[in-house]
N, C-alpha and C. Protein backbone atom coordinates (compact mmCIF):
# COMPACT_ATOMS: atom_id res chain seq x y z
N MET A 1 126.65 136.70 37.36
CA MET A 1 127.16 137.78 36.07
C MET A 1 127.05 136.42 35.08
N PRO A 2 126.27 137.67 34.02
CA PRO A 2 125.78 138.02 32.65
C PRO A 2 127.16 136.33 32.19
N ASP A 3 125.92 135.61 31.46
CA ASP A 3 127.06 134.53 30.43
C ASP A 3 126.77 135.11 29.09
N TYR A 4 127.66 135.30 28.43
CA TYR A 4 128.40 136.20 26.84
C TYR A 4 128.51 135.10 26.60
N GLY A 5 127.87 133.53 26.78
CA GLY A 5 128.57 132.74 25.40
C GLY A 5 127.09 132.92 25.33
N THR A 6 126.61 132.58 26.40
CA THR A 6 124.78 132.80 25.75
C THR A 6 124.58 134.23 24.84
N VAL A 7 124.62 135.17 24.76
CA VAL A 7 124.81 136.06 24.41
C VAL A 7 125.02 136.27 22.75
N SER A 8 125.86 136.01 22.63
CA SER A 8 126.96 135.56 21.57
C SER A 8 125.47 134.99 20.48
N TYR A 9 125.82 134.16 21.06
CA TYR A 9 125.14 132.72 20.86
C TYR A 9 123.36 133.89 19.95
N ILE A 10 123.21 134.20 21.11
CA ILE A 10 121.84 135.23 20.79
C ILE A 10 121.88 136.03 19.51
N MET A 11 123.27 137.16 20.18
CA MET A 11 123.34 137.73 18.80
C MET A 11 123.85 137.30 17.40
N TYR A 12 124.20 135.77 17.90
CA TYR A 12 124.44 135.87 15.91
C TYR A 12 123.80 134.87 15.64
N MET A 13 122.39 134.24 16.26
CA MET A 13 121.31 133.06 15.83
C MET A 13 119.72 134.82 15.42
N TYR A 14 120.22 135.87 16.38
CA TYR A 14 119.36 137.15 15.68
C TYR A 14 119.51 137.99 14.30
N SER A 15 121.63 137.59 13.93
CA SER A 15 122.23 138.24 13.06
C SER A 15 121.35 137.12 11.48
N GLU A 16 121.51 135.82 12.26
CA GLU A 16 121.01 135.10 10.59
C GLU A 16 119.64 134.62 10.49
N VAL A 17 119.13 135.24 11.38
CA VAL A 17 117.44 135.42 11.30
C VAL A 17 117.20 136.84 10.38
N SER A 18 117.84 137.87 10.33
CA SER A 18 117.63 139.44 9.67
C SER A 18 118.39 139.11 8.61
N CYS A 19 119.47 138.82 8.67
CA CYS A 19 120.03 138.57 7.17
C CYS A 19 118.77 137.82 5.86
N TRP A 20 118.24 136.40 6.56
CA TRP A 20 117.64 136.13 6.25
C TRP A 20 116.64 136.40 5.73
N TYR A 21 116.34 137.28 6.78
CA TYR A 21 114.82 138.11 6.52
C TYR A 21 114.58 139.25 5.42
N ASN A 22 115.58 139.68 4.97
CA ASN A 22 115.98 140.54 4.65
C ASN A 22 115.91 140.52 3.21
N ILE A 23 116.87 138.96 2.65
CA ILE A 23 117.27 139.00 1.45
C ILE A 23 116.00 137.73 0.99
N SER A 24 115.18 137.16 1.66
CA SER A 24 113.78 136.46 1.42
C SER A 24 112.79 137.63 0.99
N HIS A 25 113.06 139.16 1.01
CA HIS A 25 111.79 140.17 0.69
C HIS A 25 112.77 140.11 -0.69
N MET A 26 113.17 140.22 -0.90
CA MET A 26 113.79 141.02 -2.30
C MET A 26 113.97 139.99 -3.34
N LYS A 27 112.80 138.95 -3.11
CA LYS A 27 113.31 137.55 -4.92
C LYS A 27 111.55 138.07 -5.41
N GLU A 28 110.60 138.81 -5.17
CA GLU A 28 109.76 139.02 -5.36
C GLU A 28 109.93 139.72 -6.79
N PRO A 29 109.29 139.23 -8.71
CA PRO A 29 109.80 139.92 -9.61
C PRO A 29 109.53 141.46 -9.77
N TRP A 30 109.47 141.77 -10.76
CA TRP A 30 108.82 143.47 -10.95
C TRP A 30 108.54 143.43 -11.79
N LYS A 31 106.96 143.79 -11.16
CA LYS A 31 105.66 143.76 -11.41
C LYS A 31 105.71 144.48 -13.14
N SER A 32 105.92 143.77 -14.38
CA SER A 32 105.76 144.69 -15.74
C SER A 32 105.51 143.79 -16.58
N GLY A 33 104.75 143.64 -16.73
CA GLY A 33 103.91 142.07 -17.79
C GLY A 33 104.96 141.06 -17.95
N LYS A 34 105.80 140.99 -17.27
CA LYS A 34 106.72 138.80 -17.88
C LYS A 34 107.20 139.09 -16.09
N GLU A 35 107.94 137.83 -16.10
CA GLU A 35 108.80 137.61 -14.79
C GLU A 35 110.26 137.48 -15.05
N MET A 36 110.53 138.18 -14.85
CA MET A 36 112.24 137.93 -14.36
C MET A 36 112.33 137.11 -14.92
N VAL A 37 114.10 136.96 -15.20
CA VAL A 37 114.87 135.54 -15.28
C VAL A 37 115.50 134.88 -14.16
N LYS A 38 115.16 134.25 -13.40
CA LYS A 38 116.37 134.29 -12.17
C LYS A 38 117.43 134.77 -12.97
N MET A 39 117.89 135.30 -12.00
CA MET A 39 119.38 135.68 -11.08
C MET A 39 119.81 134.64 -10.70
N ARG A 40 121.28 134.55 -11.16
CA ARG A 40 122.72 133.37 -10.61
C ARG A 40 122.42 133.34 -9.52
N LYS A 41 122.64 132.76 -8.40
CA LYS A 41 122.83 132.64 -7.00
C LYS A 41 124.30 133.65 -6.28
N MET A 42 124.60 133.76 -7.01
CA MET A 42 126.74 134.36 -6.05
C MET A 42 126.35 135.86 -6.92
N THR A 43 125.56 136.06 -8.17
CA THR A 43 125.11 137.37 -7.94
C THR A 43 123.69 138.11 -7.96
N GLU A 44 123.31 137.44 -7.46
CA GLU A 44 121.76 137.67 -6.51
C GLU A 44 122.28 137.84 -5.11
N ALA A 45 123.66 136.95 -4.31
CA ALA A 45 124.05 137.45 -2.91
C ALA A 45 124.92 138.70 -3.65
N ASN A 46 125.45 139.08 -3.80
CA ASN A 46 127.03 139.77 -4.06
C ASN A 46 125.66 141.36 -4.58
N LEU A 47 124.61 141.43 -5.05
CA LEU A 47 123.63 142.40 -5.63
C LEU A 47 122.81 143.07 -4.22
N ASN A 48 122.59 141.63 -3.55
CA ASN A 48 121.74 142.04 -1.78
C ASN A 48 123.01 142.89 -0.84
N SER A 49 124.39 142.11 -1.11
CA SER A 49 125.04 142.77 -0.45
C SER A 49 125.54 144.24 -0.49
N ALA A 50 125.72 143.91 -1.82
CA ALA A 50 125.49 146.07 -2.59
C ALA A 50 124.90 146.70 -2.01
N TYR A 51 123.40 146.14 -2.01
CA TYR A 51 121.99 146.85 -1.80
C TYR A 51 122.30 147.42 0.30
N ALA A 52 122.35 146.00 0.59
CA ALA A 52 123.33 146.72 1.42
C ALA A 52 123.77 147.34 2.35
N GLY A 53 124.88 147.03 1.51
CA GLY A 53 126.40 148.25 2.66
C GLY A 53 125.63 149.71 1.44
N GLU A 54 125.71 149.71 0.43
CA GLU A 54 125.44 151.09 -0.37
C GLU A 54 123.55 151.97 0.91
N SER A 55 122.72 151.21 1.22
CA SER A 55 121.84 151.62 2.13
C SER A 55 122.57 152.34 3.43
N MET A 56 122.94 151.29 3.71
CA MET A 56 124.59 151.82 5.04
C MET A 56 124.81 153.21 4.94
N ALA A 57 125.81 152.96 3.91
CA ALA A 57 126.18 154.34 3.52
C ALA A 57 125.83 155.39 3.62
N HIS A 58 124.12 155.31 1.87
CA HIS A 58 123.30 156.70 2.11
C HIS A 58 123.22 157.27 3.86
N MET A 59 122.38 156.35 4.87
CA MET A 59 121.58 156.92 6.54
C MET A 59 122.91 156.95 6.61
N ARG A 60 124.49 156.50 6.79
CA ARG A 60 125.25 157.61 7.06
C ARG A 60 126.04 158.64 6.61
N TYR A 61 125.95 159.07 5.82
CA TYR A 61 126.62 160.12 5.27
C TYR A 61 125.27 161.72 5.55
N SER A 62 124.30 161.03 5.59
CA SER A 62 123.06 161.89 5.61
C SER A 62 123.25 162.29 7.27
N ILE A 63 123.64 161.23 8.47
CA ILE A 63 124.47 162.08 9.96
C ILE A 63 124.76 162.42 9.08
N PHE A 64 126.39 162.40 8.90
CA PHE A 64 127.27 162.89 8.76
C PHE A 64 126.95 164.00 8.38
N ALA A 65 125.64 164.40 7.23
CA ALA A 65 125.48 165.38 6.37
C ALA A 65 125.07 166.76 7.48
N ASP A 66 124.42 166.26 9.14
CA ASP A 66 123.62 167.15 9.68
C ASP A 66 124.18 167.12 11.10
N VAL A 67 125.92 166.33 11.46
CA VAL A 67 126.85 167.04 11.79
C VAL A 67 127.52 168.16 11.37
N ALA A 68 127.97 167.59 9.68
CA ALA A 68 128.92 168.76 9.54
C ALA A 68 127.66 170.07 9.61
N GLU A 69 127.03 170.37 9.17
CA GLU A 69 125.73 171.55 9.45
C GLU A 69 125.45 172.19 10.77
N ALA A 70 126.44 171.21 11.55
CA ALA A 70 125.76 171.90 12.95
C ALA A 70 126.93 172.03 13.72
N GLU A 71 128.18 172.13 12.99
CA GLU A 71 129.09 172.74 12.87
C GLU A 71 130.05 173.83 12.23
N GLY A 72 129.17 174.13 11.75
CA GLY A 72 128.44 175.53 10.82
C GLY A 72 129.86 174.81 9.29
N LYS A 73 129.76 173.91 8.83
CA LYS A 73 130.17 173.43 7.59
C LYS A 73 129.28 173.06 6.54
N PRO A 74 128.44 174.49 6.51
CA PRO A 74 127.68 174.44 4.95
C PRO A 74 127.79 173.07 3.77
N ASN A 75 129.22 173.13 3.40
CA ASN A 75 129.58 172.81 1.96
C ASN A 75 130.29 171.54 1.97
N ILE A 76 130.14 171.00 3.71
CA ILE A 76 130.80 170.15 3.96
C ILE A 76 130.00 168.99 4.16
N ALA A 77 128.56 169.38 4.18
CA ALA A 77 127.60 169.27 4.62
C ALA A 77 126.36 168.11 3.59
N LYS A 78 126.85 169.50 2.24
CA LYS A 78 126.44 169.68 0.79
C LYS A 78 127.01 168.49 0.32
N LEU A 79 128.15 168.14 0.28
CA LEU A 79 128.85 166.98 0.20
C LEU A 79 128.88 165.60 0.43
N PHE A 80 127.97 165.68 1.41
CA PHE A 80 127.96 164.50 2.25
C PHE A 80 126.13 164.66 1.19
N ARG A 81 125.77 165.23 1.85
CA ARG A 81 124.02 165.36 0.76
C ARG A 81 124.30 164.37 -0.36
N ALA A 82 124.74 164.92 -0.97
CA ALA A 82 125.01 164.79 -2.75
C ALA A 82 125.70 163.21 -2.48
N ILE A 83 126.48 162.69 -1.97
CA ILE A 83 127.44 161.91 -2.17
C ILE A 83 125.78 160.55 -1.29
N SER A 84 125.01 160.74 -0.43
CA SER A 84 124.77 160.03 0.02
C SER A 84 123.35 159.65 -0.83
N PHE A 85 122.78 161.30 -1.65
CA PHE A 85 121.86 160.39 -2.66
C PHE A 85 122.99 159.49 -3.93
N ALA A 86 123.47 159.73 -4.44
CA ALA A 86 124.25 158.77 -4.96
C ALA A 86 124.45 157.50 -4.72
N GLU A 87 124.83 157.07 -3.20
CA GLU A 87 124.54 155.99 -3.02
C GLU A 87 122.69 155.50 -2.77
N ARG A 88 122.33 156.54 -2.59
CA ARG A 88 120.75 155.39 -3.05
C ARG A 88 120.33 155.43 -4.35
N VAL A 89 121.10 156.45 -5.47
CA VAL A 89 120.54 155.58 -5.89
C VAL A 89 121.52 154.29 -6.93
N HIS A 90 122.56 154.30 -6.10
CA HIS A 90 123.14 152.70 -6.30
C HIS A 90 122.42 151.73 -5.80
N ALA A 91 121.84 151.94 -4.40
CA ALA A 91 121.22 150.78 -3.46
C ALA A 91 119.95 150.66 -4.38
N THR A 92 119.11 151.88 -5.20
CA THR A 92 118.08 151.48 -6.16
C THR A 92 118.16 150.61 -7.37
N ASN A 93 118.63 151.06 -7.49
CA ASN A 93 119.57 149.95 -8.76
C ASN A 93 119.78 148.45 -8.46
N HIS A 94 120.25 148.77 -7.22
CA HIS A 94 120.67 147.34 -7.06
C HIS A 94 119.15 146.11 -6.78
N TYR A 95 118.39 147.39 -6.15
CA TYR A 95 117.49 146.07 -5.72
C TYR A 95 116.41 146.43 -6.57
N ARG A 96 116.92 147.40 -7.53
CA ARG A 96 115.41 147.04 -8.47
C ARG A 96 116.08 145.44 -9.27
N GLU A 97 117.47 145.10 -9.50
CA GLU A 97 117.75 144.56 -10.47
C GLU A 97 117.03 142.58 -10.07
N VAL A 98 117.15 143.12 -8.99
CA VAL A 98 117.38 141.42 -7.42
C VAL A 98 114.84 141.87 -7.76
N GLY A 99 114.65 142.49 -8.30
CA GLY A 99 113.01 141.85 -8.53
C GLY A 99 112.80 142.45 -7.08
N ALA A 100 113.31 143.42 -6.91
CA ALA A 100 112.55 143.73 -5.19
C ALA A 100 111.35 145.04 -5.49
N ILE A 101 111.41 145.44 -6.29
CA ILE A 101 110.27 146.78 -6.55
C ILE A 101 109.25 146.44 -6.63
N ASN A 102 108.18 146.85 -6.14
CA ASN A 102 106.29 145.85 -6.70
C ASN A 102 105.62 146.82 -6.88
N SER A 103 104.36 146.50 -6.10
CA SER A 103 103.41 147.60 -6.70
C SER A 103 103.22 147.75 -5.56
N SER A 104 102.47 149.31 -4.53
CA SER A 104 102.46 149.48 -3.65
C SER A 104 101.69 148.98 -2.82
N VAL A 105 100.49 147.65 -2.63
CA VAL A 105 100.10 147.02 -2.21
C VAL A 105 101.44 145.79 -1.57
N GLN A 106 102.53 145.55 -2.20
CA GLN A 106 103.33 144.31 -1.89
C GLN A 106 104.42 145.10 -1.65
N ASN A 107 104.43 146.43 -1.92
CA ASN A 107 105.71 147.01 -1.39
C ASN A 107 105.16 147.14 0.49
N LEU A 108 103.83 147.73 0.52
CA LEU A 108 103.12 147.55 1.86
C LEU A 108 103.82 146.33 2.57
N GLN A 109 103.40 145.79 1.38
CA GLN A 109 103.45 144.04 2.85
C GLN A 109 104.65 143.70 3.64
N VAL A 110 106.06 144.38 2.28
CA VAL A 110 107.18 143.77 2.82
C VAL A 110 107.32 145.25 4.33
N ALA A 111 107.08 145.79 3.95
CA ALA A 111 107.01 146.77 4.90
C ALA A 111 106.54 146.56 6.21
N ILE A 112 105.35 146.34 6.38
CA ILE A 112 103.97 145.78 7.43
C ILE A 112 105.54 144.13 8.43
N ASP A 113 105.66 143.34 6.82
CA ASP A 113 106.46 142.41 7.89
C ASP A 113 107.41 142.75 8.02
N GLY A 114 108.27 143.34 8.17
CA GLY A 114 109.52 144.36 8.39
C GLY A 114 109.11 144.98 9.55
N GLU A 115 108.37 145.83 9.63
CA GLU A 115 108.06 146.02 10.87
C GLU A 115 107.34 145.10 11.79
N THR A 116 106.50 144.71 11.65
CA THR A 116 106.24 142.63 12.44
C THR A 116 107.04 142.49 12.87
N TYR A 117 108.27 141.83 12.09
CA TYR A 117 109.75 140.76 12.74
C TYR A 117 110.74 141.94 13.52
N GLU A 118 110.35 143.42 13.05
CA GLU A 118 111.66 144.39 14.67
C GLU A 118 110.87 144.22 15.86
N VAL A 119 109.06 144.07 15.76
CA VAL A 119 107.88 144.67 17.09
C VAL A 119 108.36 143.26 17.60
N GLU A 120 108.34 141.83 17.22
CA GLU A 120 107.73 140.61 17.75
C GLU A 120 108.95 140.28 18.08
N GLU A 121 110.28 140.07 16.85
CA GLU A 121 111.24 139.20 17.81
C GLU A 121 113.03 140.09 17.40
N MET A 122 112.50 140.89 16.88
CA MET A 122 114.08 141.63 16.95
C MET A 122 114.55 142.20 17.84
N TYR A 123 113.55 143.43 17.49
CA TYR A 123 114.13 144.42 18.62
C TYR A 123 113.89 143.91 20.21
N PRO A 124 112.81 142.83 20.96
CA PRO A 124 113.30 142.25 21.92
C PRO A 124 114.36 141.77 22.52
N ALA A 125 114.87 140.68 21.22
CA ALA A 125 115.79 140.18 21.23
C ALA A 125 116.99 140.91 22.01
N TYR A 126 116.85 141.89 21.81
CA TYR A 126 118.33 143.20 21.61
C TYR A 126 118.23 144.05 21.98
N LYS A 127 116.63 144.23 23.11
CA LYS A 127 116.51 145.20 24.10
C LYS A 127 116.62 143.82 25.77
N ALA A 128 116.44 142.99 24.70
CA ALA A 128 117.62 141.36 26.38
C ALA A 128 118.79 141.24 26.09
N VAL A 129 119.76 141.82 25.01
CA VAL A 129 120.11 141.36 25.54
C VAL A 129 121.61 143.12 26.24
N ALA A 130 120.75 144.36 25.73
CA ALA A 130 121.40 145.24 26.58
C ALA A 130 120.64 145.10 27.29
N GLU A 131 119.76 144.30 27.80
CA GLU A 131 119.80 144.82 29.92
C GLU A 131 120.98 143.56 29.64
N LEU A 132 121.03 142.73 29.44
CA LEU A 132 121.23 141.75 30.58
C LEU A 132 123.23 141.77 31.14
N GLN A 133 123.82 143.10 29.81
CA GLN A 133 125.07 143.45 29.80
C GLN A 133 125.26 144.92 30.25
N GLY A 134 123.87 145.57 30.53
CA GLY A 134 124.29 146.25 31.54
C GLY A 134 123.92 147.75 30.09
N GLU A 135 124.30 147.85 29.42
CA GLU A 135 123.85 148.60 28.33
C GLU A 135 122.77 149.47 27.87
N LYS A 136 122.77 150.09 29.13
CA LYS A 136 121.40 150.79 28.80
C LYS A 136 121.29 152.28 27.64
N GLY A 137 122.12 152.50 26.95
CA GLY A 137 122.01 153.45 26.21
C GLY A 137 121.82 152.92 24.81
N ALA A 138 122.36 151.52 25.03
CA ALA A 138 121.94 150.05 23.86
C ALA A 138 120.32 149.62 24.15
N PHE A 139 120.22 149.85 25.23
CA PHE A 139 118.74 149.11 25.58
C PHE A 139 117.51 150.75 25.28
N ARG A 140 117.89 151.29 25.25
CA ARG A 140 116.65 152.98 25.58
C ARG A 140 116.85 153.16 24.01
N SER A 141 117.32 153.06 22.74
CA SER A 141 117.35 152.68 21.91
C SER A 141 116.35 152.17 21.60
N ALA A 142 117.18 151.07 21.83
CA ALA A 142 116.52 149.86 20.85
C ALA A 142 114.43 149.74 21.24
N ASP A 143 114.85 150.11 22.61
CA ASP A 143 113.25 150.54 23.02
C ASP A 143 112.62 151.19 22.03
N TRP A 144 113.12 152.64 22.50
CA TRP A 144 112.37 153.46 21.63
C TRP A 144 112.50 153.77 20.25
N ALA A 145 113.33 152.53 19.38
CA ALA A 145 112.64 152.27 18.47
C ALA A 145 111.17 150.55 18.04
N TRP A 146 111.41 150.11 18.89
CA TRP A 146 110.23 148.95 19.69
C TRP A 146 109.53 149.73 18.94
N LYS A 147 108.99 151.38 20.35
CA LYS A 147 107.94 151.23 20.55
C LYS A 147 107.34 152.44 19.04
N ALA A 148 108.18 152.75 18.71
CA ALA A 148 107.72 153.41 16.87
C ALA A 148 107.36 152.23 16.26
N GLU A 149 107.81 151.33 16.24
CA GLU A 149 107.33 150.32 15.18
C GLU A 149 105.77 150.24 15.35
N GLN A 150 105.90 150.29 16.07
CA GLN A 150 104.70 149.05 16.64
C GLN A 150 103.71 150.37 15.97
N ILE A 151 103.50 151.21 16.18
CA ILE A 151 102.78 152.40 15.47
C ILE A 151 102.76 152.50 13.99
N HIS A 152 104.06 152.14 13.27
CA HIS A 152 104.46 152.17 11.80
C HIS A 152 103.59 150.72 11.19
N ALA A 153 103.87 150.20 11.88
CA ALA A 153 103.25 148.65 11.50
C ALA A 153 101.54 148.79 11.02
N SER A 154 101.15 149.51 12.89
CA SER A 154 99.87 150.16 12.15
C SER A 154 99.22 150.94 11.43
N MET A 155 100.44 152.10 10.15
CA MET A 155 99.59 153.29 9.70
C MET A 155 100.25 152.05 8.22
N TYR A 156 100.97 151.14 8.06
CA TYR A 156 101.47 150.22 6.72
C TYR A 156 100.34 149.58 6.66
N GLN A 157 99.34 149.17 8.03
CA GLN A 157 98.40 148.07 7.46
C GLN A 157 97.10 149.08 7.00
N LYS A 158 96.63 150.11 7.13
CA LYS A 158 95.69 150.76 7.16
C LYS A 158 95.83 151.11 5.58
N ALA A 159 97.57 151.61 5.25
CA ALA A 159 97.58 152.01 4.16
C ALA A 159 97.83 151.45 3.11
N LYS A 160 98.11 149.93 3.45
CA LYS A 160 97.59 148.72 2.51
C LYS A 160 96.41 148.55 2.19
N GLN A 161 95.37 148.59 3.60
CA GLN A 161 94.03 147.80 3.15
C GLN A 161 93.45 149.25 1.62
N ALA A 162 93.96 150.48 1.98
CA ALA A 162 93.42 151.81 1.10
C ALA A 162 93.83 151.38 -0.54
N ALA A 163 95.79 151.03 0.17
CA ALA A 163 95.79 151.01 -1.87
C ALA A 163 95.38 149.26 -2.34
N ALA A 164 94.94 148.52 -1.54
CA ALA A 164 93.72 147.05 -1.86
C ALA A 164 93.24 147.76 -2.97
N ASP A 165 91.83 148.65 -2.27
CA ASP A 165 91.12 148.94 -2.62
C ASP A 165 91.61 149.89 -3.80
N GLY A 166 92.55 150.20 -4.50
CA GLY A 166 92.46 150.86 -5.66
C GLY A 166 92.89 152.43 -5.27
N ARG A 167 92.79 153.14 -3.67
CA ARG A 167 92.41 154.44 -3.84
C ARG A 167 94.38 154.95 -3.05
N ASP A 168 94.10 156.08 -2.54
CA ASP A 168 94.69 156.38 -1.87
C ASP A 168 94.81 156.49 0.14
N MET A 169 95.48 156.35 0.91
CA MET A 169 94.70 156.17 2.06
C MET A 169 94.79 157.75 2.42
N GLN A 170 93.88 158.22 3.54
CA GLN A 170 93.56 159.46 3.96
C GLN A 170 94.49 159.48 4.66
N LEU A 171 95.59 160.56 4.79
CA LEU A 171 96.61 161.06 6.28
C LEU A 171 96.81 162.80 6.39
N GLY A 172 96.66 162.40 7.94
CA GLY A 172 96.96 163.93 7.93
C GLY A 172 97.96 164.30 8.14
N PRO A 173 98.32 165.68 8.55
CA PRO A 173 100.10 165.71 8.78
C PRO A 173 100.68 164.76 10.15
N VAL A 174 102.30 164.38 9.40
CA VAL A 174 102.53 162.60 10.32
C VAL A 174 103.78 164.35 11.26
N PHE A 175 104.02 163.98 12.62
CA PHE A 175 104.55 164.29 12.90
C PHE A 175 105.53 163.43 13.97
N ILE A 176 106.76 163.31 13.17
CA ILE A 176 107.75 162.64 14.01
C ILE A 176 109.09 163.06 15.04
N CYS A 177 109.12 162.05 16.12
CA CYS A 177 110.32 163.07 17.52
C CYS A 177 111.51 162.83 16.17
N GLU A 178 112.40 163.84 16.83
CA GLU A 178 113.49 163.87 16.29
C GLU A 178 114.96 163.29 17.57
N VAL A 179 114.18 163.24 18.77
CA VAL A 179 114.74 162.15 19.67
C VAL A 179 114.57 160.55 19.81
N CYS A 180 113.39 160.13 19.58
CA CYS A 180 112.88 158.80 19.89
C CYS A 180 112.61 158.35 18.55
N GLY A 181 111.52 158.60 17.28
CA GLY A 181 111.34 158.38 16.46
C GLY A 181 109.58 158.00 16.53
N HIS A 182 109.43 158.70 18.15
CA HIS A 182 107.79 158.44 17.96
C HIS A 182 106.86 159.34 16.94
N THR A 183 105.71 158.67 16.60
CA THR A 183 105.07 159.20 15.41
C THR A 183 103.84 159.11 15.64
N VAL A 184 103.53 160.64 15.48
CA VAL A 184 101.89 161.00 15.32
C VAL A 184 101.60 161.12 14.28
N GLU A 185 99.99 160.42 14.20
CA GLU A 185 99.18 161.79 12.94
C GLU A 185 97.96 163.07 13.37
N GLY A 186 98.12 164.11 12.77
CA GLY A 186 97.34 165.20 13.48
C GLY A 186 97.70 165.51 14.27
N ASN A 187 98.77 166.14 15.88
CA ASN A 187 99.18 167.65 15.54
C ASN A 187 99.67 166.38 17.21
N ALA A 188 101.27 167.21 16.92
CA ALA A 188 101.67 166.94 17.93
C ALA A 188 101.96 167.13 19.41
N PRO A 189 102.57 166.44 20.04
CA PRO A 189 101.82 166.50 21.82
C PRO A 189 102.91 167.65 22.37
N ASP A 190 102.75 167.74 23.06
CA ASP A 190 103.25 169.39 24.50
C ASP A 190 104.87 169.07 24.00
N ARG A 191 104.61 167.07 24.67
CA ARG A 191 106.13 166.50 24.69
C ARG A 191 105.67 164.93 24.40
N CYS A 192 106.78 164.37 23.97
CA CYS A 192 107.13 163.28 23.12
C CYS A 192 106.53 162.31 24.96
N PRO A 193 105.66 161.59 24.45
CA PRO A 193 105.44 160.86 25.54
C PRO A 193 106.66 158.95 26.09
N VAL A 194 107.39 159.22 25.11
CA VAL A 194 107.90 158.44 25.22
C VAL A 194 109.74 158.94 25.33
N CYS A 195 110.18 160.09 24.76
CA CYS A 195 111.69 160.31 25.73
C CYS A 195 110.95 161.93 26.15
N GLN A 196 110.06 162.02 26.06
CA GLN A 196 109.35 163.62 27.00
C GLN A 196 109.97 164.27 26.23
N ALA A 197 110.72 164.17 25.15
CA ALA A 197 111.34 166.06 23.89
C ALA A 197 110.23 166.98 23.79
N PRO A 198 110.85 168.10 23.74
CA PRO A 198 109.29 168.83 23.66
C PRO A 198 108.95 168.80 22.83
N LYS A 199 107.48 169.55 22.42
CA LYS A 199 107.11 170.09 21.03
C LYS A 199 108.12 170.78 20.17
N THR A 200 108.45 170.73 20.30
CA THR A 200 109.63 171.87 19.06
C THR A 200 110.36 170.52 18.40
N LYS A 201 110.91 169.22 19.07
CA LYS A 201 111.48 168.64 18.72
C LYS A 201 110.93 167.95 17.34
N PHE A 202 109.42 167.82 17.77
CA PHE A 202 108.19 167.18 16.31
C PHE A 202 108.78 168.08 15.22
N ARG A 203 108.77 167.08 14.25
CA ARG A 203 109.39 167.17 12.39
C ARG A 203 108.23 167.07 11.59
N LYS A 204 106.99 167.81 11.55
CA LYS A 204 106.23 168.03 10.57
C LYS A 204 106.13 166.92 8.85
N PHE A 205 105.37 165.92 8.63
CA PHE A 205 105.81 165.29 6.91
C PHE A 205 104.66 166.21 6.74
């Protein structure tokens, strides 16, 4: 029988690490020729919290818009998408005020660090807990994300190398599986190698 005390402790520790990681990457000053004046800790914590909340609302409403669209309710979908964009504006304003928006080289390093953390620490722990508790759906969701993040980290590394040389990266069409998030540059496969979704489920960017 699973040791739920251990499970709870693992989840608590990783939620604490995740919180620390996200906040620790929001302290680089905006590089506009002068350093930002250091913000008071309580205000900084409030903006970090607001940024997280607005970011989640942005994604949540975007997902809800897709549901409304599928139900044949285009105006409700439009409302969700419009307010989702407003929440993104709010999140961007908060993110800017805490000094987290930098050059592409620095932004790419933050992206690399985030993807690497998810691959090496976060998702392995989440998968272990889901497996321990017999949550097959949660394990599948975490495993799909874990596999995709490995590809994302590699792509961001290439992008950073180009940006550090003062140029844009060479990038062909990018296809994303709408089911599991598998990411491919070039041509979409006939079937997703991760979730077996057909080629028609890949979205081109």
